[in-house]
PDB file of N, CA and C in Angstrom:
ATOM      1  N   MET A   1      24.533  44.986 -29.010  1.00  0.00           N
ATOM      2  CA  MET A   1      24.237  44.738 -27.587  1.00  0.00           C
ATOM      3  C   MET A   1      23.073  45.671 -27.167  1.00  0.00           C
ATOM      4  N   PHE A   2      23.086  46.957 -27.560  1.00  0.00           N
ATOM      5  CA  PHE A   2      22.058  47.861 -27.161  1.00  0.00           C
ATOM      6  C   PHE A   2      20.642  47.352 -27.633  1.00  0.00           C
ATOM      7  N   ALA A   3      20.541  46.880 -28.872  1.00  0.00           N
ATOM      8  CA  ALA A   3      19.317  46.401 -29.399  1.00  0.00           C
ATOM      9  C   ALA A   3      18.810  45.201 -28.599  1.00  0.00           C
ATOM     10  N   THR A   4      19.690  44.312 -28.205  1.00  0.00           N
ATOM     11  CA  THR A   4      19.311  43.182 -27.419  1.00  0.00           C
ATOM     12  C   THR A   4      18.813  43.590 -26.090  1.00  0.00           C
ATOM     13  N   LEU A   5      19.393  44.522 -25.411  1.00  0.00           N
ATOM     14  CA  LEU A   5      18.969  45.029 -24.113  1.00  0.00           C
ATOM     15  C   LEU A   5      17.631  45.746 -24.248  1.00  0.00           C
ATOM     16  N   GLU A   6      17.505  46.581 -25.276  1.00  0.00           N
ATOM     17  CA  GLU A   6      16.299  47.305 -25.487  1.00  0.00           C
ATOM     18  C   GLU A   6      15.118  46.371 -25.721  1.00  0.00           C
ATOM     19  N   MET A   7      15.267  45.350 -26.560  1.00  0.00           N
ATOM     20  CA  MET A   7      14.186  44.457 -26.824  1.00  0.00           C
ATOM     21  C   MET A   7      13.845  43.599 -25.571  1.00  0.00           C
ATOM     22  N   SER A   8      14.835  43.183 -24.901  1.00  0.00           N
ATOM     23  CA  SER A   8      14.633  42.416 -23.684  1.00  0.00           C
ATOM     24  C   SER A   8      13.822  43.166 -22.649  1.00  0.00           C
ATOM     25  N   ASN A   9      14.104  44.512 -22.535  1.00  0.00           N
ATOM     26  CA  ASN A   9      13.362  45.349 -21.627  1.00  0.00           C
ATOM     27  C   ASN A   9      11.963  45.518 -22.062  1.00  0.00           C
ATOM     28  N   LYS A  10      11.645  45.475 -23.321  1.00  0.00           N
ATOM     29  CA  LYS A  10      10.302  45.643 -23.880  1.00  0.00           C
ATOM     30  C   LYS A  10       9.412  44.463 -23.556  1.00  0.00           C
ATOM     31  N   ILE A  11       9.966  43.281 -23.608  1.00  0.00           N
ATOM     32  CA  ILE A  11       9.144  42.091 -23.445  1.00  0.00           C
ATOM     33  C   ILE A  11       9.361  41.342 -22.157  1.00  0.00           C
ATOM     34  N   LYS A  12      10.429  41.651 -21.475  1.00  0.00           N
ATOM     35  CA  LYS A  12      10.715  40.887 -20.213  1.00  0.00           C
ATOM     36  C   LYS A  12       9.797  41.158 -19.074  1.00  0.00           C
ATOM     37  N   ASP A  13       9.132  40.173 -18.603  1.00  0.00           N
ATOM     38  CA  ASP A  13       8.398  40.217 -17.367  1.00  0.00           C
ATOM     39  C   ASP A  13       8.146  38.809 -16.860  1.00  0.00           C
ATOM     40  N   GLU A  14       7.505  38.638 -15.748  1.00  0.00           N
ATOM     41  CA  GLU A  14       7.243  37.309 -15.151  1.00  0.00           C
ATOM     42  C   GLU A  14       6.456  36.404 -16.118  1.00  0.00           C
ATOM     43  N   ASN A  15       5.490  36.935 -16.752  1.00  0.00           N
ATOM     44  CA  ASN A  15       4.609  36.125 -17.664  1.00  0.00           C
ATOM     45  C   ASN A  15       5.446  35.574 -18.844  1.00  0.00           C
ATOM     46  N   VAL A  16       6.271  36.407 -19.421  1.00  0.00           N
ATOM     47  CA  VAL A  16       7.081  35.990 -20.555  1.00  0.00           C
ATOM     48  C   VAL A  16       8.098  35.005 -20.087  1.00  0.00           C
ATOM     49  N   ASP A  17       8.702  35.240 -18.927  1.00  0.00           N
ATOM     50  CA  ASP A  17       9.645  34.252 -18.308  1.00  0.00           C
ATOM     51  C   ASP A  17       8.981  32.875 -18.235  1.00  0.00           C
ATOM     52  N   TYR A  18       7.721  32.893 -17.711  1.00  0.00           N
ATOM     53  CA  TYR A  18       6.935  31.667 -17.532  1.00  0.00           C
ATOM     54  C   TYR A  18       6.645  30.968 -18.896  1.00  0.00           C
ATOM     55  N   LEU A  19       6.308  31.796 -19.849  1.00  0.00           N
ATOM     56  CA  LEU A  19       6.106  31.224 -21.221  1.00  0.00           C
ATOM     57  C   LEU A  19       7.335  30.539 -21.761  1.00  0.00           C
ATOM     58  N   PHE A  20       8.505  31.197 -21.652  1.00  0.00           N
ATOM     59  CA  PHE A  20       9.726  30.643 -22.126  1.00  0.00           C
ATOM     60  C   PHE A  20      10.121  29.349 -21.313  1.00  0.00           C
ATOM     61  N   ALA A  21       9.876  29.360 -20.022  1.00  0.00           N
ATOM     62  CA  ALA A  21      10.141  28.151 -19.243  1.00  0.00           C
ATOM     63  C   ALA A  21       9.223  27.015 -19.651  1.00  0.00           C
ATOM     64  N   ALA A  22       7.968  27.375 -19.996  1.00  0.00           N
ATOM     65  CA  ALA A  22       7.054  26.311 -20.516  1.00  0.00           C
ATOM     66  C   ALA A  22       7.524  25.722 -21.844  1.00  0.00           C
ATOM     67  N   ILE A  23       7.963  26.588 -22.753  1.00  0.00           N
ATOM     68  CA  ILE A  23       8.487  26.111 -24.035  1.00  0.00           C
ATOM     69  C   ILE A  23       9.723  25.260 -23.863  1.00  0.00           C
ATOM     70  N   ARG A  24      10.649  25.684 -22.962  1.00  0.00           N
ATOM     71  CA  ARG A  24      11.813  24.839 -22.717  1.00  0.00           C
ATOM     72  C   ARG A  24      11.488  23.483 -22.072  1.00  0.00           C
ATOM     73  N   SER A  25      10.343  23.374 -21.434  1.00  0.00           N
ATOM     74  CA  SER A  25       9.971  22.144 -20.772  1.00  0.00           C
ATOM     75  C   SER A  25       9.449  21.042 -21.793  1.00  0.00           C
ATOM     76  N   LEU A  26       9.098  21.476 -22.968  1.00  0.00           N
ATOM     77  CA  LEU A  26       8.545  20.546 -23.954  1.00  0.00           C
ATOM     78  C   LEU A  26       9.604  19.633 -24.447  1.00  0.00           C
ATOM     79  N   LYS A  27       9.333  18.355 -24.563  1.00  0.00           N
ATOM     80  CA  LYS A  27      10.395  17.345 -24.883  1.00  0.00           C
ATOM     81  C   LYS A  27      10.229  16.690 -26.217  1.00  0.00           C
ATOM     82  N   THR A  28       8.967  16.594 -26.749  1.00  0.00           N
ATOM     83  CA  THR A  28       8.796  15.944 -28.047  1.00  0.00           C
ATOM     84  C   THR A  28       8.041  16.825 -28.999  1.00  0.00           C
ATOM     85  N   ASP A  29       8.049  16.455 -30.272  1.00  0.00           N
ATOM     86  CA  ASP A  29       7.295  17.198 -31.220  1.00  0.00           C
ATOM     87  C   ASP A  29       5.818  17.159 -30.904  1.00  0.00           C
ATOM     88  N   GLU A  30       5.313  16.030 -30.405  1.00  0.00           N
ATOM     89  CA  GLU A  30       3.921  15.903 -30.077  1.00  0.00           C
ATOM     90  C   GLU A  30       3.552  16.836 -28.971  1.00  0.00           C
ATOM     91  N   GLU A  31       4.445  17.008 -27.939  1.00  0.00           N
ATOM     92  CA  GLU A  31       4.205  17.975 -26.879  1.00  0.00           C
ATOM     93  C   GLU A  31       4.182  19.405 -27.446  1.00  0.00           C
ATOM     94  N   CYS A  32       5.093  19.657 -28.353  1.00  0.00           N
ATOM     95  CA  CYS A  32       5.142  21.019 -28.989  1.00  0.00           C
ATOM     96  C   CYS A  32       3.822  21.269 -29.794  1.00  0.00           C
ATOM     97  N   TYR A  33       3.369  20.299 -30.565  1.00  0.00           N
ATOM     98  CA  TYR A  33       2.186  20.491 -31.359  1.00  0.00           C
ATOM     99  C   TYR A  33       0.990  20.734 -30.350  1.00  0.00           C
ATOM    100  N   SER A  34       0.914  19.908 -29.315  1.00  0.00           N
ATOM    101  CA  SER A  34      -0.234  20.067 -28.368  1.00  0.00           C
ATOM    102  C   SER A  34      -0.190  21.467 -27.717  1.00  0.00           C
ATOM    103  N   PHE A  35       0.981  21.871 -27.221  1.00  0.00           N
ATOM    104  CA  PHE A  35       1.043  23.163 -26.548  1.00  0.00           C
ATOM    105  C   PHE A  35       0.779  24.310 -27.463  1.00  0.00           C
ATOM    106  N   PHE A  36       1.448  24.313 -28.594  1.00  0.00           N
ATOM    107  CA  PHE A  36       1.243  25.480 -29.547  1.00  0.00           C
ATOM    108  C   PHE A  36      -0.127  25.504 -30.152  1.00  0.00           C
ATOM    109  N   GLU A  37      -0.778  24.357 -30.389  1.00  0.00           N
ATOM    110  CA  GLU A  37      -2.131  24.367 -30.888  1.00  0.00           C
ATOM    111  C   GLU A  37      -3.104  24.894 -29.850  1.00  0.00           C
ATOM    112  N   ASP A  38      -2.817  24.742 -28.567  1.00  0.00           N
ATOM    113  CA  ASP A  38      -3.619  25.290 -27.477  1.00  0.00           C
ATOM    114  C   ASP A  38      -3.315  26.808 -27.383  1.00  0.00           C
ATOM    115  N   LEU A  39      -2.075  27.174 -27.458  1.00  0.00           N
ATOM    116  CA  LEU A  39      -1.610  28.527 -27.219  1.00  0.00           C
ATOM    117  C   LEU A  39      -1.918  29.509 -28.370  1.00  0.00           C
ATOM    118  N   CYS A  40      -1.729  29.035 -29.607  1.00  0.00           N
ATOM    119  CA  CYS A  40      -1.799  29.899 -30.766  1.00  0.00           C
ATOM    120  C   CYS A  40      -2.899  29.441 -31.726  1.00  0.00           C
ATOM    121  N   THR A  41      -3.315  30.366 -32.636  1.00  0.00           N
ATOM    122  CA  THR A  41      -4.141  29.916 -33.701  1.00  0.00           C
ATOM    123  C   THR A  41      -3.317  29.196 -34.749  1.00  0.00           C
ATOM    124  N   VAL A  42      -3.990  28.421 -35.594  1.00  0.00           N
ATOM    125  CA  VAL A  42      -3.250  27.746 -36.662  1.00  0.00           C
ATOM    126  C   VAL A  42      -2.519  28.758 -37.554  1.00  0.00           C
ATOM    127  N   SER A  43      -3.152  29.879 -37.811  1.00  0.00           N
ATOM    128  CA  SER A  43      -2.536  30.928 -38.670  1.00  0.00           C
ATOM    129  C   SER A  43      -1.250  31.493 -37.986  1.00  0.00           C
ATOM    130  N   GLU A  44      -1.325  31.677 -36.686  1.00  0.00           N
ATOM    131  CA  GLU A  44      -0.097  32.221 -35.980  1.00  0.00           C
ATOM    132  C   GLU A  44       1.054  31.205 -36.066  1.00  0.00           C
ATOM    133  N   ILE A  45       0.733  29.954 -35.893  1.00  0.00           N
ATOM    134  CA  ILE A  45       1.811  28.947 -35.985  1.00  0.00           C
ATOM    135  C   ILE A  45       2.366  28.869 -37.387  1.00  0.00           C
ATOM    136  N   LYS A  46       1.459  28.865 -38.374  1.00  0.00           N
ATOM    137  CA  LYS A  46       1.934  28.856 -39.767  1.00  0.00           C
ATOM    138  C   LYS A  46       2.798  30.055 -40.091  1.00  0.00           C
ATOM    139  N   GLU A  47       2.381  31.225 -39.639  1.00  0.00           N
ATOM    140  CA  GLU A  47       3.121  32.474 -39.890  1.00  0.00           C
ATOM    141  C   GLU A  47       4.494  32.418 -39.286  1.00  0.00           C
ATOM    142  N   MET A  48       4.600  31.898 -38.051  1.00  0.00           N
ATOM    143  CA  MET A  48       5.946  31.794 -37.402  1.00  0.00           C
ATOM    144  C   MET A  48       6.807  30.794 -38.217  1.00  0.00           C
ATOM    145  N   SER A  49       6.189  29.696 -38.622  1.00  0.00           N
ATOM    146  CA  SER A  49       7.026  28.711 -39.366  1.00  0.00           C
ATOM    147  C   SER A  49       7.483  29.264 -40.746  1.00  0.00           C
ATOM    148  N   LYS A  50       6.609  30.078 -41.361  1.00  0.00           N
ATOM    149  CA  LYS A  50       7.080  30.751 -42.591  1.00  0.00           C
ATOM    150  C   LYS A  50       8.206  31.728 -42.390  1.00  0.00           C
ATOM    151  N   ARG A  51       8.167  32.479 -41.263  1.00  0.00           N
ATOM    152  CA  ARG A  51       9.272  33.399 -40.987  1.00  0.00           C
ATOM    153  C   ARG A  51      10.559  32.651 -40.758  1.00  0.00           C
ATOM    154  N   LEU A  52      10.513  31.588 -40.034  1.00  0.00           N
ATOM    155  CA  LEU A  52      11.724  30.764 -39.820  1.00  0.00           C
ATOM    156  C   LEU A  52      12.234  30.218 -41.112  1.00  0.00           C
ATOM    157  N   LEU A  53      11.354  29.729 -42.007  1.00  0.00           N
ATOM    158  CA  LEU A  53      11.771  29.251 -43.272  1.00  0.00           C
ATOM    159  C   LEU A  53      12.438  30.391 -44.094  1.00  0.00           C
ATOM    160  N   ALA A  54      11.790  31.566 -44.055  1.00  0.00           N
ATOM    161  CA  ALA A  54      12.396  32.732 -44.752  1.00  0.00           C
ATOM    162  C   ALA A  54      13.770  33.024 -44.227  1.00  0.00           C
ATOM    163  N   ALA A  55      13.959  32.948 -42.904  1.00  0.00           N
ATOM    164  CA  ALA A  55      15.317  33.171 -42.325  1.00  0.00           C
ATOM    165  C   ALA A  55      16.284  32.158 -42.858  1.00  0.00           C
ATOM    166  N   ARG A  56      15.903  30.919 -42.905  1.00  0.00           N
ATOM    167  CA  ARG A  56      16.765  29.855 -43.451  1.00  0.00           C
ATOM    168  C   ARG A  56      17.125  30.145 -44.901  1.00  0.00           C
ATOM    169  N   LEU A  57      16.087  30.504 -45.690  1.00  0.00           N
ATOM    170  CA  LEU A  57      16.357  30.725 -47.120  1.00  0.00           C
ATOM    171  C   LEU A  57      17.258  31.960 -47.307  1.00  0.00           C
ATOM    172  N   LEU A  58      17.039  33.038 -46.489  1.00  0.00           N
ATOM    173  CA  LEU A  58      17.868  34.164 -46.598  1.00  0.00           C
ATOM    174  C   LEU A  58      19.299  33.849 -46.239  1.00  0.00           C
ATOM    175  N   SER A  59      19.483  32.996 -45.248  1.00  0.00           N
ATOM    176  CA  SER A  59      20.814  32.608 -44.816  1.00  0.00           C
ATOM    177  C   SER A  59      21.511  31.744 -45.896  1.00  0.00           C
ATOM    178  N   GLU A  60      20.663  31.180 -46.766  1.00  0.00           N
ATOM    179  CA  GLU A  60      21.213  30.411 -47.948  1.00  0.00           C
ATOM    180  C   GLU A  60      21.301  31.273 -49.196  1.00  0.00           C
ATOM    181  N   ASN A  61      21.160  32.608 -49.004  1.00  0.00           N
ATOM    182  CA  ASN A  61      21.293  33.579 -50.074  1.00  0.00           C
ATOM    183  C   ASN A  61      20.242  33.492 -51.189  1.00  0.00           C
ATOM    184  N   CYS A  62      19.072  33.039 -50.830  1.00  0.00           N
ATOM    185  CA  CYS A  62      17.903  33.008 -51.767  1.00  0.00           C
ATOM    186  C   CYS A  62      17.451  34.471 -51.923  1.00  0.00           C
ATOM    187  N   ILE A  63      16.868  34.733 -53.101  1.00  0.00           N
ATOM    188  CA  ILE A  63      16.340  36.105 -53.336  1.00  0.00           C
ATOM    189  C   ILE A  63      14.904  36.227 -52.845  1.00  0.00           C
ATOM    190  N   TYR A  64      14.554  37.502 -52.566  1.00  0.00           N
ATOM    191  CA  TYR A  64      13.234  37.817 -52.019  1.00  0.00           C
ATOM    192  C   TYR A  64      12.100  37.188 -52.784  1.00  0.00           C
ATOM    193  N   SER A  65      12.112  37.337 -54.145  1.00  0.00           N
ATOM    194  CA  SER A  65      10.975  36.887 -54.934  1.00  0.00           C
ATOM    195  C   SER A  65      10.830  35.401 -54.836  1.00  0.00           C
ATOM    196  N   ASP A  66      11.921  34.673 -54.787  1.00  0.00           N
ATOM    197  CA  ASP A  66      11.821  33.216 -54.610  1.00  0.00           C
ATOM    198  C   ASP A  66      11.263  32.840 -53.227  1.00  0.00           C
ATOM    199  N   ILE A  67      11.737  33.570 -52.262  1.00  0.00           N
ATOM    200  CA  ILE A  67      11.235  33.338 -50.796  1.00  0.00           C
ATOM    201  C   ILE A  67       9.744  33.640 -50.749  1.00  0.00           C
ATOM    202  N   ALA A  68       9.346  34.743 -51.362  1.00  0.00           N
ATOM    203  CA  ALA A  68       7.933  35.135 -51.362  1.00  0.00           C
ATOM    204  C   ALA A  68       7.069  34.056 -52.011  1.00  0.00           C
ATOM    205  N   LYS A  69       7.494  33.464 -53.126  1.00  0.00           N
ATOM    206  CA  LYS A  69       6.802  32.425 -53.836  1.00  0.00           C
ATOM    207  C   LYS A  69       6.686  31.181 -52.971  1.00  0.00           C
ATOM    208  N   LYS A  70       7.839  30.826 -52.340  1.00  0.00           N
ATOM    209  CA  LYS A  70       7.854  29.585 -51.590  1.00  0.00           C
ATOM    210  C   LYS A  70       7.073  29.677 -50.249  1.00  0.00           C
ATOM    211  N   THR A  71       7.103  30.880 -49.631  1.00  0.00           N
ATOM    212  CA  THR A  71       6.477  30.998 -48.293  1.00  0.00           C
ATOM    213  C   THR A  71       5.088  31.697 -48.269  1.00  0.00           C
ATOM    214  N   GLY A  72       4.847  32.493 -49.329  1.00  0.00           N
ATOM    215  CA  GLY A  72       3.625  33.283 -49.310  1.00  0.00           C
ATOM    216  C   GLY A  72       3.777  34.572 -48.448  1.00  0.00           C
ATOM    217  N   LEU A  73       4.926  34.820 -47.929  1.00  0.00           N
ATOM    218  CA  LEU A  73       5.153  36.035 -47.142  1.00  0.00           C
ATOM    219  C   LEU A  73       5.275  37.245 -48.067  1.00  0.00           C
ATOM    220  N   SER A  74       4.962  38.389 -47.559  1.00  0.00           N
ATOM    221  CA  SER A  74       5.140  39.632 -48.303  1.00  0.00           C
ATOM    222  C   SER A  74       6.642  39.971 -48.294  1.00  0.00           C
ATOM    223  N   THR A  75       7.086  40.772 -49.234  1.00  0.00           N
ATOM    224  CA  THR A  75       8.472  41.165 -49.264  1.00  0.00           C
ATOM    225  C   THR A  75       8.761  42.064 -48.068  1.00  0.00           C
ATOM    226  N   ALA A  76       7.787  42.767 -47.534  1.00  0.00           N
ATOM    227  CA  ALA A  76       7.968  43.582 -46.350  1.00  0.00           C
ATOM    228  C   ALA A  76       8.333  42.670 -45.118  1.00  0.00           C
ATOM    229  N   THR A  77       7.648  41.545 -44.991  1.00  0.00           N
ATOM    230  CA  THR A  77       7.916  40.640 -43.910  1.00  0.00           C
ATOM    231  C   THR A  77       9.276  39.918 -44.098  1.00  0.00           C
ATOM    232  N   ILE A  78       9.558  39.636 -45.318  1.00  0.00           N
ATOM    233  CA  ILE A  78      10.873  39.025 -45.623  1.00  0.00           C
ATOM    234  C   ILE A  78      11.989  39.996 -45.317  1.00  0.00           C
ATOM    235  N   SER A  79      11.775  41.277 -45.634  1.00  0.00           N
ATOM    236  CA  SER A  79      12.706  42.336 -45.317  1.00  0.00           C
ATOM    237  C   SER A  79      12.946  42.462 -43.794  1.00  0.00           C
ATOM    238  N   ARG A  80      11.850  42.386 -43.026  1.00  0.00           N
ATOM    239  CA  ARG A  80      11.954  42.437 -41.579  1.00  0.00           C
ATOM    240  C   ARG A  80      12.734  41.273 -41.075  1.00  0.00           C
ATOM    241  N   VAL A  81      12.508  40.034 -41.629  1.00  0.00           N
ATOM    242  CA  VAL A  81      13.264  38.838 -41.156  1.00  0.00           C
ATOM    243  C   VAL A  81      14.742  39.079 -41.457  1.00  0.00           C
ATOM    244  N   ASN A  82      14.987  39.610 -42.651  1.00  0.00           N
ATOM    245  CA  ASN A  82      16.403  39.862 -43.058  1.00  0.00           C
ATOM    246  C   ASN A  82      17.043  40.862 -42.178  1.00  0.00           C
ATOM    247  N   ARG A  83      16.321  41.887 -41.768  1.00  0.00           N
ATOM    248  CA  ARG A  83      16.881  42.887 -40.857  1.00  0.00           C
ATOM    249  C   ARG A  83      17.250  42.216 -39.471  1.00  0.00           C
ATOM    250  N   CYS A  84      16.385  41.390 -39.046  1.00  0.00           N
ATOM    251  CA  CYS A  84      16.667  40.625 -37.824  1.00  0.00           C
ATOM    252  C   CYS A  84      17.848  39.776 -37.945  1.00  0.00           C
ATOM    253  N   LEU A  85      18.005  39.100 -39.097  1.00  0.00           N
ATOM    254  CA  LEU A  85      19.186  38.265 -39.310  1.00  0.00           C
ATOM    255  C   LEU A  85      20.513  39.102 -39.236  1.00  0.00           C
ATOM    256  N   LYS A  86      20.420  40.294 -39.847  1.00  0.00           N
ATOM    257  CA  LYS A  86      21.690  41.142 -39.966  1.00  0.00           C
ATOM    258  C   LYS A  86      21.888  41.963 -38.714  1.00  0.00           C
ATOM    259  N   TYR A  87      20.836  42.499 -38.149  1.00  0.00           N
ATOM    260  CA  TYR A  87      20.978  43.513 -37.051  1.00  0.00           C
ATOM    261  C   TYR A  87      20.253  43.171 -35.757  1.00  0.00           C
ATOM    262  N   GLY A  88      19.615  41.988 -35.700  1.00  0.00           N
ATOM    263  CA  GLY A  88      18.775  41.665 -34.579  1.00  0.00           C
ATOM    264  C   GLY A  88      19.568  41.094 -33.422  1.00  0.00           C
ATOM    265  N   ASN A  89      18.928  40.257 -32.668  1.00  0.00           N
ATOM    266  CA  ASN A  89      19.468  39.695 -31.488  1.00  0.00           C
ATOM    267  C   ASN A  89      20.094  38.310 -31.657  1.00  0.00           C
ATOM    268  N   ASP A  90      20.281  37.850 -32.867  1.00  0.00           N
ATOM    269  CA  ASP A  90      20.843  36.585 -33.261  1.00  0.00           C
ATOM    270  C   ASP A  90      19.939  35.397 -32.853  1.00  0.00           C
ATOM    271  N   GLY A  91      18.657  35.652 -32.650  1.00  0.00           N
ATOM    272  CA  GLY A  91      17.736  34.603 -32.340  1.00  0.00           C
ATOM    273  C   GLY A  91      17.590  33.619 -33.512  1.00  0.00           C
ATOM    274  N   TYR A  92      17.311  34.175 -34.657  1.00  0.00           N
ATOM    275  CA  TYR A  92      17.195  33.272 -35.859  1.00  0.00           C
ATOM    276  C   TYR A  92      18.461  32.470 -36.033  1.00  0.00           C
ATOM    277  N   GLN A  93      19.635  33.183 -35.969  1.00  0.00           N
ATOM    278  CA  GLN A  93      20.893  32.570 -36.181  1.00  0.00           C
ATOM    279  C   GLN A  93      21.172  31.451 -35.256  1.00  0.00           C
ATOM    280  N   THR A  94      20.821  31.613 -33.968  1.00  0.00           N
ATOM    281  CA  THR A  94      20.995  30.609 -32.941  1.00  0.00           C
ATOM    282  C   THR A  94      20.234  29.362 -33.338  1.00  0.00           C
ATOM    283  N   VAL A  95      18.992  29.522 -33.721  1.00  0.00           N
ATOM    284  CA  VAL A  95      18.137  28.399 -34.088  1.00  0.00           C
ATOM    285  C   VAL A  95      18.651  27.748 -35.350  1.00  0.00           C
ATOM    286  N   LEU A  96      18.985  28.516 -36.353  1.00  0.00           N
ATOM    287  CA  LEU A  96      19.502  27.931 -37.618  1.00  0.00           C
ATOM    288  C   LEU A  96      20.763  27.105 -37.419  1.00  0.00           C
ATOM    289  N   GLU A  97      21.601  27.514 -36.502  1.00  0.00           N
ATOM    290  CA  GLU A  97      22.814  26.741 -36.225  1.00  0.00           C
ATOM    291  C   GLU A  97      22.512  25.515 -35.425  1.00  0.00           C
ATOM    292  N   ARG A  98      21.523  25.473 -34.587  1.00  0.00           N
ATOM    293  CA  ARG A  98      21.213  24.396 -33.732  1.00  0.00           C
ATOM    294  C   ARG A  98      20.303  23.338 -34.256  1.00  0.00           C
ATOM    295  N   VAL A  99      19.399  23.693 -35.153  1.00  0.00           N
ATOM    296  CA  VAL A  99      18.458  22.710 -35.675  1.00  0.00           C
ATOM    297  C   VAL A  99      19.156  21.853 -36.727  1.00  0.00           C
ATOM    298  N   PRO A 100      19.086  20.591 -36.493  1.00  0.00           N
ATOM    299  CA  PRO A 100      19.745  19.661 -37.431  1.00  0.00           C
ATOM    300  C   PRO A 100      19.165  19.878 -38.862  1.00  0.00           C
ATOM    301  N   ALA A 101      20.014  19.652 -39.852  1.00  0.00           N
ATOM    302  CA  ALA A 101      19.623  19.863 -41.290  1.00  0.00           C
ATOM    303  C   ALA A 101      18.442  18.980 -41.601  1.00  0.00           C
ATOM    304  N   LYS A 102      18.369  17.748 -41.114  1.00  0.00           N
ATOM    305  CA  LYS A 102      17.259  16.860 -41.415  1.00  0.00           C
ATOM    306  C   LYS A 102      15.945  17.461 -40.945  1.00  0.00           C
ATOM    307  N   ALA A 103      15.981  17.979 -39.739  1.00  0.00           N
ATOM    308  CA  ALA A 103      14.760  18.604 -39.228  1.00  0.00           C
ATOM    309  C   ALA A 103      14.250  19.780 -40.028  1.00  0.00           C
ATOM    310  N   LYS A 104      15.229  20.548 -40.561  1.00  0.00           N
ATOM    311  CA  LYS A 104      14.943  21.718 -41.409  1.00  0.00           C
ATOM    312  C   LYS A 104      14.244  21.304 -42.663  1.00  0.00           C
ATOM    313  N   GLU A 105      14.659  20.158 -43.217  1.00  0.00           N
ATOM    314  CA  GLU A 105      14.152  19.692 -44.499  1.00  0.00           C
ATOM    315  C   GLU A 105      12.715  19.126 -44.408  1.00  0.00           C
ATOM    316  N   GLU A 106      12.304  18.665 -43.273  1.00  0.00           N
ATOM    317  CA  GLU A 106      11.016  18.044 -43.143  1.00  0.00           C
ATOM    318  C   GLU A 106       9.897  19.007 -43.239  1.00  0.00           C
TER     319      GLU A 106
END
């Protein structure tokens, strides 16, 4: 609980609230692609998707070396994702539970 409150206090402000509201307003994959391509660089989007894949693979008990080969992430980044899975704010866990298996496989 303390970690959640601490992180929320670090990033919470009107601009971040507006960003999250904007993301929640997106209804289709095409809208998501359009918004994120305008908002982020291709590298930033790819990096976020690799971290989410790493979280999924870690939750499936894959080993770091296999995750590094599959994603191209450093073991330090994989370790950070793992730390978030175990001790973070349950953000990854929430998404992993909600995203249908078919969408994860695509």
